[in-house]
Protein backbone atom coordinates (compact mmCIF):
# COMPACT_ATOMS: atom_id res chain seq x y z
CA UNK A 1 0.00 0.00 0.00
CA UNK A 2 2.84 2.39 -0.81
CA UNK A 3 0.41 4.35 -3.02
CA UNK A 4 -2.01 4.77 -0.10
CA UNK A 5 -1.15 8.52 -0.03
CA UNK A 6 -2.30 8.85 -3.65
CA UNK A 7 -5.47 6.77 -3.19
CA UNK A 8 -6.09 8.20 0.26
CA UNK A 9 -6.66 11.71 -1.08
CA UNK A 10 -9.31 10.36 -3.46
CA UNK A 11 -10.83 7.92 -0.97
CA UNK A 12 -12.80 8.97 2.14
CA UNK A 13 -11.15 9.42 5.57
CA UNK A 14 -12.55 6.06 6.67
CA UNK A 15 -10.07 4.40 4.31
CA UNK A 16 -7.16 6.28 5.87
CA UNK A 17 -7.90 4.81 9.31
CA UNK A 18 -8.13 1.34 7.77
CA UNK A 19 -4.70 1.71 6.12
CA UNK A 20 -3.18 2.96 9.34
PDB file of N, CA and C in Angstrom:
ATOM      1  N   UNK A   1       0.850  -1.217   0.000  1.00  0.00           N
ATOM      2  CA  UNK A   1       0.000   0.000   0.000  1.00  0.00           C
ATOM      3  C   UNK A   1       0.879   1.258   0.000  1.00  0.00           C
ATOM      4  N   UNK A   2       1.938   1.225  -0.748  1.00  0.00           N
ATOM      5  CA  UNK A   2       2.841   2.386  -0.813  1.00  0.00           C
ATOM      6  C   UNK A   2       2.128   3.562  -1.472  1.00  0.00           C
ATOM      7  N   UNK A   3       1.126   3.251  -2.330  1.00  0.00           N
ATOM      8  CA  UNK A   3       0.407   4.348  -3.019  1.00  0.00           C
ATOM      9  C   UNK A   3      -0.797   4.797  -2.179  1.00  0.00           C
ATOM     10  N   UNK A   4      -0.861   4.401  -0.935  1.00  0.00           N
ATOM     11  CA  UNK A   4      -2.008   4.774  -0.102  1.00  0.00           C
ATOM     12  C   UNK A   4      -2.154   6.307  -0.077  1.00  0.00           C
ATOM     13  N   UNK A   5      -1.069   7.050  -0.054  1.00  0.00           N
ATOM     14  CA  UNK A   5      -1.147   8.524  -0.027  1.00  0.00           C
ATOM     15  C   UNK A   5      -1.902   9.016  -1.257  1.00  0.00           C
ATOM     16  N   UNK A   6      -1.630   8.415  -2.390  1.00  0.00           N
ATOM     17  CA  UNK A   6      -2.297   8.849  -3.645  1.00  0.00           C
ATOM     18  C   UNK A   6      -3.778   8.464  -3.604  1.00  0.00           C
ATOM     19  N   UNK A   7      -4.074   7.229  -3.223  1.00  0.00           N
ATOM     20  CA  UNK A   7      -5.468   6.774  -3.189  1.00  0.00           C
ATOM     21  C   UNK A   7      -6.201   7.362  -1.992  1.00  0.00           C
ATOM     22  N   UNK A   8      -5.464   7.649  -0.938  1.00  0.00           N
ATOM     23  CA  UNK A   8      -6.093   8.195   0.264  1.00  0.00           C
ATOM     24  C   UNK A   8      -6.773   9.528  -0.058  1.00  0.00           C
ATOM     25  N   UNK A   9      -6.086  10.394  -0.755  1.00  0.00           N
ATOM     26  CA  UNK A   9      -6.659  11.712  -1.077  1.00  0.00           C
ATOM     27  C   UNK A   9      -8.008  11.533  -1.793  1.00  0.00           C
ATOM     28  N   UNK A  10      -8.063  10.585  -2.691  1.00  0.00           N
ATOM     29  CA  UNK A  10      -9.309  10.357  -3.458  1.00  0.00           C
ATOM     30  C   UNK A  10     -10.341   9.641  -2.585  1.00  0.00           C
ATOM     31  N   UNK A  11      -9.876   8.709  -1.799  1.00  0.00           N
ATOM     32  CA  UNK A  11     -10.828   7.917  -0.970  1.00  0.00           C
ATOM     33  C   UNK A  11     -11.243   8.696   0.298  1.00  0.00           C
ATOM     34  N   UNK A  12     -12.309   8.301   0.925  1.00  0.00           N
ATOM     35  CA  UNK A  12     -12.803   8.973   2.139  1.00  0.00           C
ATOM     36  C   UNK A  12     -11.862   8.746   3.327  1.00  0.00           C
ATOM     37  N   UNK A  13     -12.003   9.528   4.379  1.00  0.00           N
ATOM     38  CA  UNK A  13     -11.149   9.415   5.568  1.00  0.00           C
ATOM     39  C   UNK A  13     -11.255   8.038   6.217  1.00  0.00           C
ATOM     40  N   UNK A  14     -12.377   7.392   6.070  1.00  0.00           N
ATOM     41  CA  UNK A  14     -12.551   6.057   6.674  1.00  0.00           C
ATOM     42  C   UNK A  14     -11.456   5.125   6.153  1.00  0.00           C
ATOM     43  N   UNK A  15     -11.094   5.270   4.886  1.00  0.00           N
ATOM     44  CA  UNK A  15     -10.069   4.398   4.306  1.00  0.00           C
ATOM     45  C   UNK A  15      -8.715   4.678   4.970  1.00  0.00           C
ATOM     46  N   UNK A  16      -8.452   5.925   5.263  1.00  0.00           N
ATOM     47  CA  UNK A  16      -7.165   6.280   5.872  1.00  0.00           C
ATOM     48  C   UNK A  16      -6.987   5.509   7.192  1.00  0.00           C
ATOM     49  N   UNK A  17      -7.995   5.518   8.026  1.00  0.00           N
ATOM     50  CA  UNK A  17      -7.899   4.812   9.314  1.00  0.00           C
ATOM     51  C   UNK A  17      -7.670   3.327   9.078  1.00  0.00           C
ATOM     52  N   UNK A  18      -8.291   2.782   8.048  1.00  0.00           N
ATOM     53  CA  UNK A  18      -8.128   1.340   7.766  1.00  0.00           C
ATOM     54  C   UNK A  18      -6.659   1.060   7.365  1.00  0.00           C
ATOM     55  N   UNK A  19      -6.098   1.928   6.547  1.00  0.00           N
ATOM     56  CA  UNK A  19      -4.697   1.714   6.123  1.00  0.00           C
ATOM     57  C   UNK A  19      -3.764   1.825   7.320  1.00  0.00           C
ATOM     58  N   UNK A  20      -4.045   2.780   8.163  1.00  0.00           N
ATOM     59  CA  UNK A  20      -3.176   2.957   9.339  1.00  0.00           C
ATOM     60  C   UNK A  20      -3.297   1.719  10.196  1.00  0.00           C
TER      61      UNK A  20
END
